[in-house]
Amino acid sequence: MDNKKSEVYAFIDSQNLNLGIQNAGWKLDWLKFRKYLADEYGVTKALMFIGYVPEFEEMYEKLHESGYVVVLKQTYDMTRPRPEEKAEAETNNASEKEEKKPIKGNIDADLVLWVMKEMKNYDKAIIISGDGDFYGLVEYLHEQGKLLKILTPSWKYSSLFNRFEKYIDRIDQHRKELSYRTYKKSKK
């Protein structure tokens, strides 16, 4: 009789999760979320895919201390014009104020790559994202019998996942137990 514990890995699209939760008007407590993944789904390893911004080193360390494997993706500053844009602006004497664009760290390809690289090490996988870009990955995991769940931040997830409705668990439905709260002393 084999008493080997089942290995369950969670692959987290941190930006999709974080923005989805923020758009719903609350803040996720990452420590509570890691415990929830372990208790609710038996997650033995939670890989957090996130764009690297030097100013957030302390946050990455706290995530690591909370039990996440933090996989950092090189980011690029979208406020800096590409060489061809810079040349065009100089040629056209463009004096218009440049729109502020965010720092971008596309993690989708890295997440998919890690799911495939780690496949021999886990029995089941959880994809944490509502992004339809992961449809092919979800479909493949399902075909391989490796898909345990798709956790979406809210009801606003890609309609491509409708086929996998039975796998979907919405994190917003667990807001009460997973939200970050700051406790202040009451004045007496």
C-alpha atoms as a PDB file:
ATOM      1  CA  MET A   1       0.000   0.000   0.000  1.00  0.00           C
ATOM      2  CA  ASP A   2       1.408   3.367  -1.069  1.00  0.00           C
ATOM      3  CA  ASN A   3       1.066   6.091   1.588  1.00  0.00           C
ATOM      4  CA  LYS A   4       2.929   8.670  -0.454  1.00  0.00           C
ATOM      5  CA  LYS A   5       1.476  12.134   0.020  1.00  0.00           C
ATOM      6  CA  SER A   6       0.043  13.624  -3.150  1.00  0.00           C
ATOM      7  CA  GLU A   7       2.062  16.546  -4.489  1.00  0.00           C
ATOM      8  CA  VAL A   8      -0.099  19.529  -5.429  1.00  0.00           C
ATOM      9  CA  TYR A   9       1.527  22.602  -6.972  1.00  0.00           C
ATOM     10  CA  ALA A  10      -0.126  25.990  -7.344  1.00  0.00           C
ATOM     11  CA  PHE A  11       1.026  28.262 -10.168  1.00  0.00           C
ATOM     12  CA  ILE A  12       0.062  31.863  -9.418  1.00  0.00           C
ATOM     13  CA  ASP A  13      -0.273  34.685 -11.941  1.00  0.00           C
ATOM     14  CA  SER A  14       0.330  37.313  -9.254  1.00  0.00           C
ATOM     15  CA  GLN A  15      -0.633  40.339 -11.330  1.00  0.00           C
ATOM     16  CA  ASN A  16      -3.932  38.827 -12.495  1.00  0.00           C
ATOM     17  CA  LEU A  17      -4.751  37.760  -8.945  1.00  0.00           C
ATOM     18  CA  ASN A  18      -3.699  41.007  -7.293  1.00  0.00           C
ATOM     19  CA  LEU A  19      -5.456  43.291  -9.802  1.00  0.00           C
ATOM     20  CA  GLY A  20      -8.595  41.151  -9.786  1.00  0.00           C
ATOM     21  CA  ILE A  21      -8.808  41.313  -6.005  1.00  0.00           C
ATOM     22  CA  GLN A  22      -8.069  45.058  -5.910  1.00  0.00           C
ATOM     23  CA  ASN A  23     -10.710  45.729  -8.576  1.00  0.00           C
ATOM     24  CA  ALA A  24     -13.191  43.914  -6.333  1.00  0.00           C
ATOM     25  CA  GLY A  25     -12.337  46.411  -3.588  1.00  0.00           C
ATOM     26  CA  TRP A  26     -10.256  44.426  -1.147  1.00  0.00           C
ATOM     27  CA  LYS A  27      -6.722  43.327  -0.374  1.00  0.00           C
ATOM     28  CA  LEU A  28      -5.566  39.710  -0.181  1.00  0.00           C
ATOM     29  CA  ASP A  29      -3.608  38.571   2.865  1.00  0.00           C
ATOM     30  CA  TRP A  30      -0.865  36.516   1.228  1.00  0.00           C
ATOM     31  CA  LEU A  31      -0.039  34.551   4.390  1.00  0.00           C
ATOM     32  CA  LYS A  32      -3.698  33.563   4.878  1.00  0.00           C
ATOM     33  CA  PHE A  33      -3.912  32.678   1.179  1.00  0.00           C
ATOM     34  CA  ARG A  34      -0.900  30.348   1.391  1.00  0.00           C
ATOM     35  CA  LYS A  35      -2.430  28.594   4.410  1.00  0.00           C
ATOM     36  CA  TYR A  36      -5.764  28.380   2.581  1.00  0.00           C
ATOM     37  CA  LEU A  37      -4.069  26.713  -0.414  1.00  0.00           C
ATOM     38  CA  ALA A  38      -2.448  24.141   1.867  1.00  0.00           C
ATOM     39  CA  ASP A  39      -5.530  23.461   3.994  1.00  0.00           C
ATOM     40  CA  GLU A  40      -8.176  23.535   1.267  1.00  0.00           C
ATOM     41  CA  TYR A  41      -6.306  21.884  -1.621  1.00  0.00           C
ATOM     42  CA  GLY A  42      -3.247  20.247  -0.083  1.00  0.00           C
ATOM     43  CA  VAL A  43      -0.846  22.559  -1.948  1.00  0.00           C
ATOM     44  CA  THR A  44       2.690  21.455  -1.185  1.00  0.00           C
ATOM     45  CA  LYS A  45       4.402  24.074  -3.351  1.00  0.00           C
ATOM     46  CA  ALA A  46       3.049  27.482  -4.391  1.00  0.00           C
ATOM     47  CA  LEU A  47       4.957  29.205  -7.172  1.00  0.00           C
ATOM     48  CA  MET A  48       4.321  32.952  -7.429  1.00  0.00           C
ATOM     49  CA  PHE A  49       5.151  34.477 -10.817  1.00  0.00           C
ATOM     50  CA  ILE A  50       5.797  38.183 -10.502  1.00  0.00           C
ATOM     51  CA  GLY A  51       7.552  40.974 -12.375  1.00  0.00           C
ATOM     52  CA  TYR A  52      10.779  42.122 -10.741  1.00  0.00           C
ATOM     53  CA  VAL A  53      10.932  45.738  -9.569  1.00  0.00           C
ATOM     54  CA  PRO A  54      14.002  46.549  -7.410  1.00  0.00           C
ATOM     55  CA  GLU A  55      11.991  48.707  -4.988  1.00  0.00           C
ATOM     56  CA  PHE A  56       9.866  45.672  -4.011  1.00  0.00           C
ATOM     57  CA  GLU A  57      12.696  43.470  -2.676  1.00  0.00           C
ATOM     58  CA  GLU A  58      11.196  43.514   0.829  1.00  0.00           C
ATOM     59  CA  MET A  59       7.815  42.349  -0.512  1.00  0.00           C
ATOM     60  CA  TYR A  60       9.436  39.446  -2.395  1.00  0.00           C
ATOM     61  CA  GLU A  61      11.205  38.415   0.813  1.00  0.00           C
ATOM     62  CA  LYS A  62       7.926  38.524   2.787  1.00  0.00           C
ATOM     63  CA  LEU A  63       6.223  36.383   0.134  1.00  0.00           C
ATOM     64  CA  HIS A  64       9.068  33.881   0.364  1.00  0.00           C
ATOM     65  CA  GLU A  65       8.814  33.853   4.166  1.00  0.00           C
ATOM     66  CA  SER A  66       5.052  33.232   3.792  1.00  0.00           C
ATOM     67  CA  GLY A  67       5.772  29.991   1.950  1.00  0.00           C
ATOM     68  CA  TYR A  68       5.803  30.967  -1.721  1.00  0.00           C
ATOM     69  CA  VAL A  69       8.466  30.095  -4.254  1.00  0.00           C
ATOM     70  CA  VAL A  70       8.893  33.516  -5.832  1.00  0.00           C
ATOM     71  CA  VAL A  71       9.725  33.329  -9.534  1.00  0.00           C
ATOM     72  CA  LEU A  72      10.821  36.766 -10.681  1.00  0.00           C
ATOM     73  CA  LYS A  73      10.452  37.908 -14.263  1.00  0.00           C
ATOM     74  CA  GLN A  74      12.549  40.711 -15.697  1.00  0.00           C
ATOM     75  CA  THR A  75      10.377  43.767 -16.291  1.00  0.00           C
ATOM     76  CA  TYR A  76      10.615  46.599 -18.734  1.00  0.00           C
ATOM     77  CA  ASP A  77       9.661  50.212 -18.273  1.00  0.00           C
ATOM     78  CA  MET A  78       6.952  51.086 -20.757  1.00  0.00           C
ATOM     79  CA  THR A  79       7.471  54.812 -20.107  1.00  0.00           C
ATOM     80  CA  ARG A  80      10.799  54.760 -21.949  1.00  0.00           C
ATOM     81  CA  PRO A  81      10.289  55.044 -25.692  1.00  0.00           C
ATOM     82  CA  ARG A  82      11.805  52.380 -27.903  1.00  0.00           C
ATOM     83  CA  PRO A  83      14.619  53.647 -30.163  1.00  0.00           C
ATOM     84  CA  GLU A  84      12.311  53.862 -33.195  1.00  0.00           C
ATOM     85  CA  GLU A  85       9.726  55.840 -31.190  1.00  0.00           C
ATOM     86  CA  LYS A  86      12.415  58.203 -29.917  1.00  0.00           C
ATOM     87  CA  ALA A  87      13.706  58.856 -33.446  1.00  0.00           C
ATOM     88  CA  GLU A  88      10.175  59.442 -34.720  1.00  0.00           C
ATOM     89  CA  ALA A  89       9.416  61.877 -31.895  1.00  0.00           C
ATOM     90  CA  GLU A  90      12.598  63.838 -32.608  1.00  0.00           C
ATOM     91  CA  THR A  91      11.817  63.922 -36.337  1.00  0.00           C
ATOM     92  CA  ASN A  92       8.265  65.133 -35.757  1.00  0.00           C
ATOM     93  CA  ASN A  93       9.357  67.602 -33.057  1.00  0.00           C
ATOM     94  CA  ALA A  94       6.736  66.050 -30.811  1.00  0.00           C
ATOM     95  CA  SER A  95       6.336  68.197 -27.749  1.00  0.00           C
ATOM     96  CA  GLU A  96       3.267  66.407 -26.432  1.00  0.00           C
ATOM     97  CA  LYS A  97       3.504  65.082 -22.930  1.00  0.00           C
ATOM     98  CA  GLU A  98       4.274  61.373 -22.970  1.00  0.00           C
ATOM     99  CA  GLU A  99       1.592  59.194 -21.393  1.00  0.00           C
ATOM    100  CA  LYS A 100       2.737  57.344 -18.298  1.00  0.00           C
ATOM    101  CA  LYS A 101       2.780  53.651 -19.056  1.00  0.00           C
ATOM    102  CA  PRO A 102       3.233  50.988 -16.403  1.00  0.00           C
ATOM    103  CA  ILE A 103       6.169  48.728 -15.819  1.00  0.00           C
ATOM    104  CA  LYS A 104       5.432  45.457 -17.576  1.00  0.00           C
ATOM    105  CA  GLY A 105       6.584  41.984 -16.645  1.00  0.00           C
ATOM    106  CA  ASN A 106       4.779  39.409 -18.778  1.00  0.00           C
ATOM    107  CA  ILE A 107       4.889  36.195 -16.777  1.00  0.00           C
ATOM    108  CA  ASP A 108       2.555  34.044 -18.899  1.00  0.00           C
ATOM    109  CA  ALA A 109       5.268  32.220 -20.828  1.00  0.00           C
ATOM    110  CA  ASP A 110       7.323  31.649 -17.676  1.00  0.00           C
ATOM    111  CA  LEU A 111       4.329  30.224 -15.805  1.00  0.00           C
ATOM    112  CA  VAL A 112       3.562  27.821 -18.652  1.00  0.00           C
ATOM    113  CA  LEU A 113       7.223  26.815 -18.888  1.00  0.00           C
ATOM    114  CA  TRP A 114       7.415  26.063 -15.145  1.00  0.00           C
ATOM    115  CA  VAL A 115       4.178  24.051 -15.232  1.00  0.00           C
ATOM    116  CA  MET A 116       5.745  21.879 -17.933  1.00  0.00           C
ATOM    117  CA  LYS A 117       9.222  21.680 -16.329  1.00  0.00           C
ATOM    118  CA  GLU A 118       7.771  20.689 -12.949  1.00  0.00           C
ATOM    119  CA  MET A 119       5.158  18.242 -14.300  1.00  0.00           C
ATOM    120  CA  LYS A 120       7.075  15.128 -13.208  1.00  0.00           C
ATOM    121  CA  ASN A 121       7.216  16.502  -9.637  1.00  0.00           C
ATOM    122  CA  TYR A 122       3.495  17.016  -8.959  1.00  0.00           C
ATOM    123  CA  ASP A 123       0.382  14.892  -9.124  1.00  0.00           C
ATOM    124  CA  LYS A 124      -2.065  17.776  -9.538  1.00  0.00           C
ATOM    125  CA  ALA A 125      -1.799  21.443 -10.479  1.00  0.00           C
ATOM    126  CA  ILE A 126      -3.820  24.507  -9.616  1.00  0.00           C
ATOM    127  CA  ILE A 127      -3.718  27.472 -11.967  1.00  0.00           C
ATOM    128  CA  ILE A 128      -4.444  30.746 -10.196  1.00  0.00           C
ATOM    129  CA  SER A 129      -5.539  33.234 -12.828  1.00  0.00           C
ATOM    130  CA  GLY A 130      -8.606  34.246 -14.765  1.00  0.00           C
ATOM    131  CA  ASP A 131      -6.532  34.999 -17.867  1.00  0.00           C
ATOM    132  CA  GLY A 132      -7.702  33.192 -21.005  1.00  0.00           C
ATOM    133  CA  ASP A 133      -4.105  33.099 -22.245  1.00  0.00           C
ATOM    134  CA  PHE A 134      -3.793  29.988 -20.060  1.00  0.00           C
ATOM    135  CA  TYR A 135      -6.606  28.131 -21.838  1.00  0.00           C
ATOM    136  CA  GLY A 136      -4.219  25.856 -23.782  1.00  0.00           C
ATOM    137  CA  LEU A 137      -2.314  25.040 -20.606  1.00  0.00           C
ATOM    138  CA  VAL A 138      -5.518  24.283 -18.675  1.00  0.00           C
ATOM    139  CA  GLU A 139      -6.741  22.097 -21.528  1.00  0.00           C
ATOM    140  CA  TYR A 140      -3.442  20.181 -21.584  1.00  0.00           C
ATOM    141  CA  LEU A 141      -3.406  19.683 -17.801  1.00  0.00           C
ATOM    142  CA  HIS A 142      -6.996  18.414 -17.997  1.00  0.00           C
ATOM    143  CA  GLU A 143      -6.084  15.951 -20.776  1.00  0.00           C
ATOM    144  CA  GLN A 144      -3.140  14.693 -18.699  1.00  0.00           C
ATOM    145  CA  GLY A 145      -5.318  14.231 -15.601  1.00  0.00           C
ATOM    146  CA  LYS A 146      -3.204  16.793 -13.758  1.00  0.00           C
ATOM    147  CA  LEU A 147      -5.677  19.678 -13.357  1.00  0.00           C
ATOM    148  CA  LEU A 148      -7.066  20.019  -9.844  1.00  0.00           C
ATOM    149  CA  LYS A 149      -8.504  23.565  -9.882  1.00  0.00           C
ATOM    150  CA  ILE A 150      -8.541  26.942 -11.569  1.00  0.00           C
ATOM    151  CA  LEU A 151      -8.727  29.671  -8.940  1.00  0.00           C
ATOM    152  CA  THR A 152      -9.952  32.972 -10.357  1.00  0.00           C
ATOM    153  CA  PRO A 153      -9.897  36.304  -8.504  1.00  0.00           C
ATOM    154  CA  SER A 154     -13.610  36.922  -9.141  1.00  0.00           C
ATOM    155  CA  TRP A 155     -16.496  36.182 -11.487  1.00  0.00           C
ATOM    156  CA  LYS A 156     -14.672  38.225 -14.139  1.00  0.00           C
ATOM    157  CA  TYR A 157     -12.616  35.506 -15.768  1.00  0.00           C
ATOM    158  CA  SER A 158     -12.141  34.512 -19.381  1.00  0.00           C
ATOM    159  CA  SER A 159     -15.150  32.876 -21.020  1.00  0.00           C
ATOM    160  CA  LEU A 160     -12.663  30.409 -22.512  1.00  0.00           C
ATOM    161  CA  PHE A 161     -12.711  28.700 -19.102  1.00  0.00           C
ATOM    162  CA  ASN A 162     -16.472  28.025 -19.291  1.00  0.00           C
ATOM    163  CA  ARG A 163     -15.671  24.533 -20.539  1.00  0.00           C
ATOM    164  CA  PHE A 164     -13.821  23.934 -17.264  1.00  0.00           C
ATOM    165  CA  GLU A 165     -16.500  25.380 -14.979  1.00  0.00           C
ATOM    166  CA  LYS A 166     -16.384  22.371 -12.624  1.00  0.00           C
ATOM    167  CA  TYR A 167     -12.731  23.191 -11.848  1.00  0.00           C
ATOM    168  CA  ILE A 168     -13.290  26.875 -11.053  1.00  0.00           C
ATOM    169  CA  ASP A 169     -13.218  28.255  -7.534  1.00  0.00           C
ATOM    170  CA  ARG A 170     -13.604  32.011  -7.143  1.00  0.00           C
ATOM    171  CA  ILE A 171     -11.325  33.578  -4.554  1.00  0.00           C
ATOM    172  CA  ASP A 172     -13.722  36.492  -4.010  1.00  0.00           C
ATOM    173  CA  GLN A 173     -16.149  34.022  -2.452  1.00  0.00           C
ATOM    174  CA  HIS A 174     -13.595  33.565   0.343  1.00  0.00           C
ATOM    175  CA  ARG A 175     -13.045  37.276   0.966  1.00  0.00           C
ATOM    176  CA  LYS A 176     -13.993  37.146   4.637  1.00  0.00           C
ATOM    177  CA  GLU A 177     -11.360  34.540   5.477  1.00  0.00           C
ATOM    178  CA  LEU A 178      -8.638  35.761   3.068  1.00  0.00           C
ATOM    179  CA  SER A 179      -8.768  39.548   3.264  1.00  0.00           C
ATOM    180  CA  TYR A 180      -5.983  41.548   4.808  1.00  0.00           C
ATOM    181  CA  ARG A 181      -7.058  43.491   7.844  1.00  0.00           C
ATOM    182  CA  THR A 182      -5.210  46.010   9.909  1.00  0.00           C
ATOM    183  CA  TYR A 183      -6.269  46.029  13.490  1.00  0.00           C
ATOM    184  CA  LYS A 184      -6.259  49.295  15.379  1.00  0.00           C
ATOM    185  CA  LYS A 185      -6.584  49.670  19.117  1.00  0.00           C
ATOM    186  CA  SER A 186      -9.945  51.020  20.055  1.00  0.00           C
ATOM    187  CA  LYS A 187     -10.036  54.287  21.973  1.00  0.00           C
ATOM    188  CA  LYS A 188     -11.477  53.980  25.455  1.00  0.00           C
END
